[in-house]
Structures are given as structure tokens and as C-alpha cells.
Amino acid sequence: MDKSKSKIVIDVGASDGGLSKHILSRTTNTRVFAIEPNIEQNFEQLGILELEFQKRFKWCRMAVSEKSGSAKLYGANSFKGLAGSLNQFNVEKVWDQSLSSHFNSETIKDFKIIKVESVSKFIEDNEITNIEFLKIDAQGSDVVILDLFLREVPVNCAVIEVNSSEISTENAYLSDNTFEYLIEVCKRYSLKIIKIIPATTDLSEYNVIVGKDVEFCLKLIEEFHLSESIAIGRFWKVLGLGTGQKQDQSAHKLLYKKIRQGIKHPITSCRSVVFKLTR
């Protein structure tokens, strides 16, 4: 494959490589860089991708931040390794019932030392001059990392995970990873919000797709079949936000449940909605 004509995809917080594999399997002209520091938890799956897509896939065994060095990865073994973060867990977080069994006071305090590389060094070492698609799921550091990439190279389209608000009992990590911060960064780099998709069953986090050109982003979403991906597309139809074929049916049940709770406790429900919309 001609590298000069390939589309560059960066998967920050690649976990087991689910989204990387999804894109690689549906395209022939993409090169994917998967950034994932939790090596032990994801060695087998990402190792398989390295063998299967040797010329188009690279696993970068590290985290990215503003400076190179080392850092603590908190909760490295929590929730099958999916919750590892450079940010400490918020002990006031009220977990959704479906997730609460995966966390306890010991696992969220657990950490291991990992390698961290600056975004600027990562860009330079891999000779990246333009990013077609940037996905960030960095457990509370998403907006910061988006800003760091935008300082270095043009990013045509990105999807990042943000908190719905600054309510301490809803945020999983001690970080400022909110819609407000994202909007600030979007204004700075003239990015538009293309689509908002729920990321969790308790609706406390959302995947937000941003880009400079709406039409370009919509075409890329279609080309990569993002509505069918497990990582992003499972709640695609919720709240009428898209037309994906695959989705988590439990999300609809959750919404019905929240509607019933709203009817039963209208004052509490209205306060919660107003607070989230006005933050």
C-alpha cells in the first residue's frame, strides 16, 4: 500500500483494539496507530491485530500526554482493564448498577507505572502530517489530548468521550473532561460538533464527533461504518441521534426507566435535566 495515499487513523486508548479492527476490516486505504499502555490486559488481542494487519497497524505501547516520561495508570486491572486512567478515580462516583460490581475501594486505588510519550514526539517519530480520524477514549483526559494533537497537526475528524457535567457524583475520574472544556477547544480550532452519542448506560458520558467540515465527517462516518462499531455505535439510535443497525437494546430500557422515574419524581428529575442543560 502506498503510505503517502493512506488515511491516518489514531486510536488513543485502543483497549483491546475493537475500533481499530473495525476500521481496518472495512477499509483498505487506512493506517491505524493504536495507543494503548495497558499491555498485560490487551497483549493477546492487539498482538493478533499486529500479525493480521502488519503493514497497516502499529501498536504503540504507551500513553500520550504533554510530556514524555512515566506515570501511574490507576485502576489498571479494573473492569477487565477497560478503566485504566492517568487520572485518579473519583471516590464520590455513584456507579450505574450494571457497573458497580466491577469496582471496589481496592481495585480503583490499584496502579502500575507505564511509559508516557509526548504527543509532539509521537507525531514526529511516526512522520504524521495530517490525521484523517482521531479517536480518543483516555478515561478523563480526552479533551486535553485532543488539544495536544490539534497543536501539532490538522485533524479532519475526531471522536472523544466527555462527561455530561461537572457533578462530582457522576464523574468517574478527577478531571475536567466536560462539554464546556470541549466547546472551548472547538472554538479555538474552529471545529464543529457533528454528532453526540451516549457512551454509558447511566448517560453520564458521551462520545462526541467533531470536525471542521460537516460533510466530510459524515462521509467518513459512513465509510468507516461507525454506527456499527461496538465502541461507538451501540447507542447510535438512542435519543434519535443516528441510524445505526447495531445497538445495545438495554439502552432503550434504561431510557424508559428514566422516563418512569421522571414521572414519579418530577421535581428531582427536572432539576437534574435543567442542571445538565445549563452547565
C-alpha atoms as a PDB file:
ATOM      1  CA  MET A   1       0.000   0.000   0.000  1.00  0.00           C
ATOM      2  CA  ASP A   2       1.227   3.486  -0.857  1.00  0.00           C
ATOM      3  CA  LYS A   3       1.703   5.120   2.535  1.00  0.00           C
ATOM      4  CA  SER A   4       1.543   8.606   1.023  1.00  0.00           C
ATOM      5  CA  LYS A   5      -2.059   7.974  -0.091  1.00  0.00           C
ATOM      6  CA  SER A   6      -3.293   6.162   3.001  1.00  0.00           C
ATOM      7  CA  LYS A   7      -5.629   7.708   5.549  1.00  0.00           C
ATOM      8  CA  ILE A   8      -4.126   8.062   9.013  1.00  0.00           C
ATOM      9  CA  VAL A   9      -6.248   6.880  11.934  1.00  0.00           C
ATOM     10  CA  ILE A  10      -5.118   7.347  15.543  1.00  0.00           C
ATOM     11  CA  ASP A  11      -6.837   5.215  18.194  1.00  0.00           C
ATOM     12  CA  VAL A  12      -5.924   6.679  21.604  1.00  0.00           C
ATOM     13  CA  GLY A  13      -6.965   4.348  24.397  1.00  0.00           C
ATOM     14  CA  ALA A  14      -7.333   1.468  21.982  1.00  0.00           C
ATOM     15  CA  SER A  15      -8.047  -1.082  24.732  1.00  0.00           C
ATOM     16  CA  ASP A  16      -8.376  -4.487  23.018  1.00  0.00           C
ATOM     17  CA  GLY A  17      -8.342  -2.881  19.560  1.00  0.00           C
ATOM     18  CA  GLY A  18     -12.055  -3.203  18.872  1.00  0.00           C
ATOM     19  CA  LEU A  19     -12.407   0.037  16.922  1.00  0.00           C
ATOM     20  CA  SER A  20      -9.016  -0.381  15.225  1.00  0.00           C
ATOM     21  CA  LYS A  21     -10.039  -3.807  13.939  1.00  0.00           C
ATOM     22  CA  HIS A  22     -13.459  -2.488  12.908  1.00  0.00           C
ATOM     23  CA  ILE A  23     -11.905   0.205  10.701  1.00  0.00           C
ATOM     24  CA  LEU A  24      -9.088  -1.976   9.321  1.00  0.00           C
ATOM     25  CA  SER A  25     -11.557  -4.716   8.359  1.00  0.00           C
ATOM     26  CA  ARG A  26     -13.792  -2.307   6.435  1.00  0.00           C
ATOM     27  CA  THR A  27     -11.149  -0.301   4.612  1.00  0.00           C
ATOM     28  CA  THR A  28      -8.066  -0.953   2.517  1.00  0.00           C
ATOM     29  CA  ASN A  29      -6.524   2.513   2.474  1.00  0.00           C
ATOM     30  CA  THR A  30      -6.090   3.217   6.192  1.00  0.00           C
ATOM     31  CA  ARG A  31      -3.108   3.035   8.524  1.00  0.00           C
ATOM     32  CA  VAL A  32      -4.043   2.732  12.174  1.00  0.00           C
ATOM     33  CA  PHE A  33      -1.843   3.719  15.117  1.00  0.00           C
ATOM     34  CA  ALA A  34      -3.261   2.205  18.307  1.00  0.00           C
ATOM     35  CA  ILE A  35      -2.067   3.864  21.501  1.00  0.00           C
ATOM     36  CA  GLU A  36      -2.636   1.591  24.499  1.00  0.00           C
ATOM     37  CA  PRO A  37      -0.384   1.428  27.607  1.00  0.00           C
ATOM     38  CA  ASN A  38      -2.183  -1.385  29.442  1.00  0.00           C
ATOM     39  CA  ILE A  39      -0.013  -4.043  27.860  1.00  0.00           C
ATOM     40  CA  GLU A  40      -0.816  -7.087  30.006  1.00  0.00           C
ATOM     41  CA  GLN A  41      -4.581  -6.672  29.693  1.00  0.00           C
ATOM     42  CA  ASN A  42      -4.547  -6.255  25.904  1.00  0.00           C
ATOM     43  CA  PHE A  43      -1.466  -8.162  24.751  1.00  0.00           C
ATOM     44  CA  GLU A  44      -3.283 -11.037  23.064  1.00  0.00           C
ATOM     45  CA  GLN A  45      -5.890  -9.043  21.103  1.00  0.00           C
ATOM     46  CA  LEU A  46      -3.588  -6.261  19.946  1.00  0.00           C
ATOM     47  CA  GLY A  47      -0.863  -8.796  19.169  1.00  0.00           C
ATOM     48  CA  ILE A  48      -3.248 -10.593  16.828  1.00  0.00           C
ATOM     49  CA  LEU A  49      -4.005  -7.321  15.035  1.00  0.00           C
ATOM     50  CA  GLU A  50      -0.281  -6.696  14.589  1.00  0.00           C
ATOM     51  CA  LEU A  51       0.034 -10.037  12.810  1.00  0.00           C
ATOM     52  CA  GLU A  52      -3.163  -9.724  10.783  1.00  0.00           C
ATOM     53  CA  PHE A  53      -2.583  -6.164   9.555  1.00  0.00           C
ATOM     54  CA  GLN A  54       1.202  -5.924   9.612  1.00  0.00           C
ATOM     55  CA  LYS A  55       1.528  -3.151   7.031  1.00  0.00           C
ATOM     56  CA  ARG A  56      -1.418  -1.075   8.221  1.00  0.00           C
ATOM     57  CA  PHE A  57      -1.438  -1.398  12.012  1.00  0.00           C
ATOM     58  CA  LYS A  58       1.003  -0.279  14.693  1.00  0.00           C
ATOM     59  CA  TRP A  59       0.529  -0.795  18.425  1.00  0.00           C
ATOM     60  CA  CYS A  60       2.224   1.957  20.438  1.00  0.00           C
ATOM     61  CA  ARG A  61       2.675   0.532  23.933  1.00  0.00           C
ATOM     62  CA  MET A  62       2.376   3.750  25.907  1.00  0.00           C
ATOM     63  CA  ALA A  63       0.113   6.602  26.898  1.00  0.00           C
ATOM     64  CA  VAL A  64       0.351  10.082  25.387  1.00  0.00           C
ATOM     65  CA  SER A  65       0.389  13.373  27.239  1.00  0.00           C
ATOM     66  CA  GLU A  66       2.072  16.765  27.137  1.00  0.00           C
ATOM     67  CA  LYS A  67       5.472  15.468  28.287  1.00  0.00           C
ATOM     68  CA  SER A  68       7.403  12.209  27.906  1.00  0.00           C
ATOM     69  CA  GLY A  69       8.333  10.117  30.918  1.00  0.00           C
ATOM     70  CA  SER A  70       6.406   7.709  33.126  1.00  0.00           C
ATOM     71  CA  ALA A  71       3.133   7.873  35.039  1.00  0.00           C
ATOM     72  CA  LYS A  72       0.758   5.914  37.228  1.00  0.00           C
ATOM     73  CA  LEU A  73      -2.050   4.085  35.437  1.00  0.00           C
ATOM     74  CA  TYR A  74      -4.798   3.945  38.070  1.00  0.00           C
ATOM     75  CA  GLY A  75      -7.304   1.103  38.053  1.00  0.00           C
ATOM     76  CA  ALA A  76      -5.130  -0.783  35.567  1.00  0.00           C
ATOM     77  CA  ASN A  77      -6.903  -4.065  36.306  1.00  0.00           C
ATOM     78  CA  SER A  78     -10.406  -2.699  36.944  1.00  0.00           C
ATOM     79  CA  PHE A  79     -13.298  -3.743  34.705  1.00  0.00           C
ATOM     80  CA  LYS A  80     -11.095  -6.121  32.675  1.00  0.00           C
ATOM     81  CA  GLY A  81      -8.530  -3.356  32.136  1.00  0.00           C
ATOM     82  CA  LEU A  82     -11.027  -1.014  30.466  1.00  0.00           C
ATOM     83  CA  ALA A  83     -10.913   1.596  33.234  1.00  0.00           C
ATOM     84  CA  GLY A  84      -7.175   2.309  33.435  1.00  0.00           C
ATOM     85  CA  SER A  85      -6.521   6.058  33.643  1.00  0.00           C
ATOM     86  CA  LEU A  86      -3.791   8.586  34.317  1.00  0.00           C
ATOM     87  CA  ASN A  87      -6.413  10.316  36.463  1.00  0.00           C
ATOM     88  CA  GLN A  88      -7.346   9.097  39.910  1.00  0.00           C
ATOM     89  CA  PHE A  89     -10.828   7.682  40.419  1.00  0.00           C
ATOM     90  CA  ASN A  90     -13.498   9.878  41.959  1.00  0.00           C
ATOM     91  CA  VAL A  91     -14.411   8.193  45.239  1.00  0.00           C
ATOM     92  CA  GLU A  92     -17.764  10.046  45.253  1.00  0.00           C
ATOM     93  CA  LYS A  93     -18.826   8.479  41.958  1.00  0.00           C
ATOM     94  CA  VAL A  94     -22.191   6.713  42.085  1.00  0.00           C
ATOM     95  CA  TRP A  95     -21.782   3.835  39.643  1.00  0.00           C
ATOM     96  CA  ASP A  96     -24.567   2.562  37.449  1.00  0.00           C
ATOM     97  CA  GLN A  97     -25.882  -0.716  38.848  1.00  0.00           C
ATOM     98  CA  SER A  98     -24.556  -2.680  35.859  1.00  0.00           C
ATOM     99  CA  LEU A  99     -21.027  -1.391  36.555  1.00  0.00           C
ATOM    100  CA  SER A 100     -20.904  -1.205  40.340  1.00  0.00           C
ATOM    101  CA  SER A 101     -19.943  -4.866  40.736  1.00  0.00           C
ATOM    102  CA  HIS A 102     -16.730  -4.232  38.761  1.00  0.00           C
ATOM    103  CA  PHE A 103     -15.368  -1.595  41.132  1.00  0.00           C
ATOM    104  CA  ASN A 104     -14.396  -1.553  44.793  1.00  0.00           C
ATOM    105  CA  SER A 105     -12.155   0.508  47.046  1.00  0.00           C
ATOM    106  CA  GLU A 106      -9.150  -1.725  46.362  1.00  0.00           C
ATOM    107  CA  THR A 107      -9.288  -2.039  42.572  1.00  0.00           C
ATOM    108  CA  ILE A 108      -9.731   1.681  41.920  1.00  0.00           C
ATOM    109  CA  LYS A 109      -6.673   2.516  44.051  1.00  0.00           C
ATOM    110  CA  ASP A 110      -4.551  -0.054  42.240  1.00  0.00           C
ATOM    111  CA  PHE A 111      -1.978   1.336  39.783  1.00  0.00           C
ATOM    112  CA  LYS A 112       1.081   0.413  37.772  1.00  0.00           C
ATOM    113  CA  ILE A 113       3.855   2.515  36.241  1.00  0.00           C
ATOM    114  CA  ILE A 114       3.633   2.940  32.466  1.00  0.00           C
ATOM    115  CA  LYS A 115       5.548   4.694  29.700  1.00  0.00           C
ATOM    116  CA  VAL A 116       4.256   8.094  28.570  1.00  0.00           C
ATOM    117  CA  GLU A 117       5.273   9.867  25.371  1.00  0.00           C
ATOM    118  CA  SER A 118       4.527  13.446  24.428  1.00  0.00           C
ATOM    119  CA  VAL A 119       2.077  13.932  21.576  1.00  0.00           C
ATOM    120  CA  SER A 120       4.640  16.058  19.735  1.00  0.00           C
ATOM    121  CA  LYS A 121       7.253  13.251  19.883  1.00  0.00           C
ATOM    122  CA  PHE A 122       4.693  10.679  18.772  1.00  0.00           C
ATOM    123  CA  ILE A 123       3.788  12.849  15.774  1.00  0.00           C
ATOM    124  CA  GLU A 124       7.442  13.430  14.882  1.00  0.00           C
ATOM    125  CA  ASP A 125       8.588   9.813  15.301  1.00  0.00           C
ATOM    126  CA  ASN A 126       5.792   8.481  13.092  1.00  0.00           C
ATOM    127  CA  GLU A 127       6.135  11.276  10.489  1.00  0.00           C
ATOM    128  CA  ILE A 128       2.453  12.195  10.702  1.00  0.00           C
ATOM    129  CA  THR A 129       1.455  15.358   8.858  1.00  0.00           C
ATOM    130  CA  ASN A 130      -2.335  15.003   8.848  1.00  0.00           C
ATOM    131  CA  ILE A 131      -4.834  12.879  10.777  1.00  0.00           C
ATOM    132  CA  GLU A 132      -7.942  11.734   8.963  1.00  0.00           C
ATOM    133  CA  PHE A 133      -9.660  10.305  12.041  1.00  0.00           C
ATOM    134  CA  LEU A 134      -8.697  10.626  15.702  1.00  0.00           C
ATOM    135  CA  LYS A 135     -10.499   8.560  18.328  1.00  0.00           C
ATOM    136  CA  ILE A 136      -9.783   9.294  21.986  1.00  0.00           C
ATOM    137  CA  ASP A 137     -11.035   7.242  24.910  1.00  0.00           C
ATOM    138  CA  ALA A 138      -8.476   8.167  27.547  1.00  0.00           C
ATOM    139  CA  GLN A 139     -10.604   7.914  30.674  1.00  0.00           C
ATOM    140  CA  GLY A 140     -10.866  11.544  31.654  1.00  0.00           C
ATOM    141  CA  SER A 141      -8.001  13.019  29.606  1.00  0.00           C
ATOM    142  CA  ASP A 142      -9.779  13.124  26.240  1.00  0.00           C
ATOM    143  CA  VAL A 143     -10.175  16.874  25.715  1.00  0.00           C
ATOM    144  CA  VAL A 144      -6.620  17.587  26.894  1.00  0.00           C
ATOM    145  CA  ILE A 145      -5.227  15.056  24.421  1.00  0.00           C
ATOM    146  CA  LEU A 146      -7.415  16.397  21.596  1.00  0.00           C
ATOM    147  CA  ASP A 147      -5.971  19.853  22.254  1.00  0.00           C
ATOM    148  CA  LEU A 148      -2.403  18.478  22.193  1.00  0.00           C
ATOM    149  CA  PHE A 149      -2.932  16.790  18.812  1.00  0.00           C
ATOM    150  CA  LEU A 150      -4.561  19.895  17.316  1.00  0.00           C
ATOM    151  CA  ARG A 151      -1.499  21.928  18.310  1.00  0.00           C
ATOM    152  CA  GLU A 152       0.701  19.672  16.182  1.00  0.00           C
ATOM    153  CA  VAL A 153      -1.202  18.618  13.044  1.00  0.00           C
ATOM    154  CA  PRO A 154      -4.557  19.112  11.263  1.00  0.00           C
ATOM    155  CA  VAL A 155      -7.258  16.690  12.427  1.00  0.00           C
ATOM    156  CA  ASN A 156     -10.075  16.230   9.924  1.00  0.00           C
ATOM    157  CA  CYS A 157     -12.462  14.347  12.194  1.00  0.00           C
ATOM    158  CA  ALA A 158     -12.321  13.216  15.827  1.00  0.00           C
ATOM    159  CA  VAL A 159     -14.478  11.390  18.342  1.00  0.00           C
ATOM    160  CA  ILE A 160     -13.819  11.841  22.031  1.00  0.00           C
ATOM    161  CA  GLU A 161     -15.554  10.879  25.259  1.00  0.00           C
ATOM    162  CA  VAL A 162     -16.686  13.636  27.629  1.00  0.00           C
ATOM    163  CA  ASN A 163     -18.596  13.876  30.902  1.00  0.00           C
ATOM    164  CA  SER A 164     -22.139  15.187  30.791  1.00  0.00           C
ATOM    165  CA  SER A 165     -21.425  17.699  33.567  1.00  0.00           C
ATOM    166  CA  GLU A 166     -19.192  18.594  36.479  1.00  0.00           C
ATOM    167  CA  ILE A 167     -21.395  16.827  39.032  1.00  0.00           C
ATOM    168  CA  SER A 168     -18.873  15.032  41.249  1.00  0.00           C
ATOM    169  CA  THR A 169     -21.088  12.000  41.886  1.00  0.00           C
ATOM    170  CA  GLU A 170     -21.434  11.371  38.133  1.00  0.00           C
ATOM    171  CA  ASN A 171     -17.808  11.683  37.021  1.00  0.00           C
ATOM    172  CA  ALA A 172     -15.662   8.574  37.222  1.00  0.00           C
ATOM    173  CA  TYR A 173     -12.319  10.425  37.305  1.00  0.00           C
ATOM    174  CA  LEU A 174     -10.926  13.531  38.947  1.00  0.00           C
ATOM    175  CA  SER A 175     -10.511  15.531  35.745  1.00  0.00           C
ATOM    176  CA  ASP A 176     -12.029  18.427  33.826  1.00  0.00           C
ATOM    177  CA  ASN A 177     -13.261  16.452  30.843  1.00  0.00           C
ATOM    178  CA  THR A 178     -16.565  18.216  30.270  1.00  0.00           C
ATOM    179  CA  PHE A 179     -18.653  19.542  27.391  1.00  0.00           C
ATOM    180  CA  GLU A 180     -17.669  23.054  28.466  1.00  0.00           C
ATOM    181  CA  TYR A 181     -13.972  22.312  28.020  1.00  0.00           C
ATOM    182  CA  LEU A 182     -14.614  20.604  24.678  1.00  0.00           C
ATOM    183  CA  ILE A 183     -16.579  23.604  23.378  1.00  0.00           C
ATOM    184  CA  GLU A 184     -13.702  25.864  24.393  1.00  0.00           C
ATOM    185  CA  VAL A 185     -11.244  23.739  22.369  1.00  0.00           C
ATOM    186  CA  CYS A 186     -13.640  23.550  19.398  1.00  0.00           C
ATOM    187  CA  LYS A 187     -13.896  27.345  19.307  1.00  0.00           C
ATOM    188  CA  ARG A 188     -10.116  27.679  19.454  1.00  0.00           C
ATOM    189  CA  TYR A 189      -9.606  25.441  16.410  1.00  0.00           C
ATOM    190  CA  SER A 190     -12.843  26.249  14.539  1.00  0.00           C
ATOM    191  CA  LEU A 191     -14.300  22.746  14.956  1.00  0.00           C
ATOM    192  CA  LYS A 192     -17.993  21.917  14.710  1.00  0.00           C
ATOM    193  CA  ILE A 193     -19.852  19.354  16.816  1.00  0.00           C
ATOM    194  CA  ILE A 194     -21.181  16.802  14.307  1.00  0.00           C
ATOM    195  CA  LYS A 195     -22.857  14.192  16.479  1.00  0.00           C
ATOM    196  CA  ILE A 196     -23.387  13.346  20.151  1.00  0.00           C
ATOM    197  CA  ILE A 197     -23.838   9.705  21.192  1.00  0.00           C
ATOM    198  CA  PRO A 198     -24.355   8.272  24.710  1.00  0.00           C
ATOM    199  CA  ALA A 199     -21.309   6.277  25.832  1.00  0.00           C
ATOM    200  CA  THR A 200     -22.606   4.719  29.058  1.00  0.00           C
ATOM    201  CA  THR A 201     -25.853   3.226  30.287  1.00  0.00           C
ATOM    202  CA  ASP A 202     -26.182   5.846  33.031  1.00  0.00           C
ATOM    203  CA  LEU A 203     -25.879   8.605  30.402  1.00  0.00           C
ATOM    204  CA  SER A 204     -23.082  10.318  32.335  1.00  0.00           C
ATOM    205  CA  GLU A 205     -20.608  10.157  29.428  1.00  0.00           C
ATOM    206  CA  TYR A 206     -20.972  10.820  25.714  1.00  0.00           C
ATOM    207  CA  ASN A 207     -18.975  10.226  22.552  1.00  0.00           C
ATOM    208  CA  VAL A 208     -18.796  13.497  20.625  1.00  0.00           C
ATOM    209  CA  ILE A 209     -17.772  13.638  16.966  1.00  0.00           C
ATOM    210  CA  VAL A 210     -16.158  16.928  15.929  1.00  0.00           C
ATOM    211  CA  GLY A 211     -14.581  18.259  12.753  1.00  0.00           C
ATOM    212  CA  LYS A 212     -14.113  21.321  10.555  1.00  0.00           C
ATOM    213  CA  ASP A 213     -16.169  20.078   7.600  1.00  0.00           C
ATOM    214  CA  VAL A 214     -19.557  18.539   8.431  1.00  0.00           C
ATOM    215  CA  GLU A 215     -19.998  16.873   5.037  1.00  0.00           C
ATOM    216  CA  PHE A 216     -16.516  15.341   5.190  1.00  0.00           C
ATOM    217  CA  CYS A 217     -17.125  13.951   8.678  1.00  0.00           C
ATOM    218  CA  LEU A 218     -20.472  12.438   7.701  1.00  0.00           C
ATOM    219  CA  LYS A 219     -18.857  10.717   4.705  1.00  0.00           C
ATOM    220  CA  LEU A 220     -16.077   9.368   6.933  1.00  0.00           C
ATOM    221  CA  ILE A 221     -18.633   8.091   9.451  1.00  0.00           C
ATOM    222  CA  GLU A 222     -20.317   6.210   6.622  1.00  0.00           C
ATOM    223  CA  GLU A 223     -17.044   4.957   5.117  1.00  0.00           C
ATOM    224  CA  PHE A 224     -15.864   3.589   8.480  1.00  0.00           C
ATOM    225  CA  HIS A 225     -19.360   2.236   9.350  1.00  0.00           C
ATOM    226  CA  LEU A 226     -19.018   3.801  12.787  1.00  0.00           C
ATOM    227  CA  SER A 227     -22.695   3.272  13.592  1.00  0.00           C
ATOM    228  CA  GLU A 228     -21.989  -0.474  13.530  1.00  0.00           C
ATOM    229  CA  SER A 229     -18.941  -0.373  15.797  1.00  0.00           C
ATOM    230  CA  ILE A 230     -19.236  -1.741  19.314  1.00  0.00           C
ATOM    231  CA  ALA A 231     -17.079   1.036  20.765  1.00  0.00           C
ATOM    232  CA  ILE A 232     -19.140   3.927  19.398  1.00  0.00           C
ATOM    233  CA  GLY A 233     -22.247   2.577  17.702  1.00  0.00           C
ATOM    234  CA  ARG A 234     -24.002   0.599  20.415  1.00  0.00           C
ATOM    235  CA  PHE A 235     -26.110   3.614  21.455  1.00  0.00           C
ATOM    236  CA  TRP A 236     -26.256   5.218  17.985  1.00  0.00           C
ATOM    237  CA  LYS A 237     -30.058   5.237  17.756  1.00  0.00           C
ATOM    238  CA  VAL A 238     -30.679   6.397  21.317  1.00  0.00           C
ATOM    239  CA  LEU A 239     -32.433   9.783  21.500  1.00  0.00           C
ATOM    240  CA  GLY A 240     -32.734   9.790  17.700  1.00  0.00           C
ATOM    241  CA  LEU A 241     -29.065  10.582  17.210  1.00  0.00           C
ATOM    242  CA  GLY A 242     -28.425   8.275  14.266  1.00  0.00           C
ATOM    243  CA  THR A 243     -29.483   5.294  12.192  1.00  0.00           C
ATOM    244  CA  GLY A 244     -27.077   2.534  13.180  1.00  0.00           C
ATOM    245  CA  GLN A 245     -28.147  -1.066  12.681  1.00  0.00           C
ATOM    246  CA  LYS A 246     -26.386  -2.492  15.727  1.00  0.00           C
ATOM    247  CA  GLN A 247     -27.119  -1.149  19.178  1.00  0.00           C
ATOM    248  CA  ASP A 248     -27.440  -2.080  22.818  1.00  0.00           C
ATOM    249  CA  GLN A 249     -31.126  -2.792  23.373  1.00  0.00           C
ATOM    250  CA  SER A 250     -30.729  -2.212  27.106  1.00  0.00           C
ATOM    251  CA  ALA A 251     -30.229   1.485  26.387  1.00  0.00           C
ATOM    252  CA  HIS A 252     -33.870   1.829  25.366  1.00  0.00           C
ATOM    253  CA  LYS A 253     -34.986   0.075  28.525  1.00  0.00           C
ATOM    254  CA  LEU A 254     -32.839   2.482  30.506  1.00  0.00           C
ATOM    255  CA  LEU A 255     -34.477   5.469  28.848  1.00  0.00           C
ATOM    256  CA  TYR A 256     -37.967   4.125  29.573  1.00  0.00           C
ATOM    257  CA  LYS A 257     -36.878   3.570  33.169  1.00  0.00           C
ATOM    258  CA  LYS A 258     -35.617   7.153  33.444  1.00  0.00           C
ATOM    259  CA  ILE A 259     -38.892   8.448  31.975  1.00  0.00           C
ATOM    260  CA  ARG A 260     -40.872   6.483  34.574  1.00  0.00           C
ATOM    261  CA  GLN A 261     -38.607   7.815  37.326  1.00  0.00           C
ATOM    262  CA  GLY A 262     -39.146  11.329  35.994  1.00  0.00           C
ATOM    263  CA  ILE A 263     -42.913  10.930  36.201  1.00  0.00           C
ATOM    264  CA  LYS A 264     -42.658   9.512  39.703  1.00  0.00           C
ATOM    265  CA  HIS A 265     -40.209  12.182  40.918  1.00  0.00           C
ATOM    266  CA  PRO A 266     -40.845  15.206  38.659  1.00  0.00           C
ATOM    267  CA  ILE A 267     -39.119  17.859  40.782  1.00  0.00           C
ATOM    268  CA  THR A 268     -35.875  15.903  41.191  1.00  0.00           C
ATOM    269  CA  SER A 269     -35.905  14.912  37.525  1.00  0.00           C
ATOM    270  CA  CYS A 270     -36.481  18.480  36.291  1.00  0.00           C
ATOM    271  CA  ARG A 271     -33.678  19.817  38.472  1.00  0.00           C
ATOM    272  CA  SER A 272     -31.290  17.214  37.077  1.00  0.00           C
ATOM    273  CA  VAL A 273     -32.196  17.982  33.447  1.00  0.00           C
ATOM    274  CA  VAL A 274     -32.027  21.747  33.902  1.00  0.00           C
ATOM    275  CA  PHE A 275     -28.660  21.466  35.652  1.00  0.00           C
ATOM    276  CA  LYS A 276     -27.148  19.390  32.835  1.00  0.00           C
ATOM    277  CA  LEU A 277     -28.515  21.646  30.094  1.00  0.00           C
ATOM    278  CA  THR A 278     -27.361  24.860  31.703  1.00  0.00           C
ATOM    279  CA  ARG A 279     -23.876  23.883  32.883  1.00  0.00           C
END
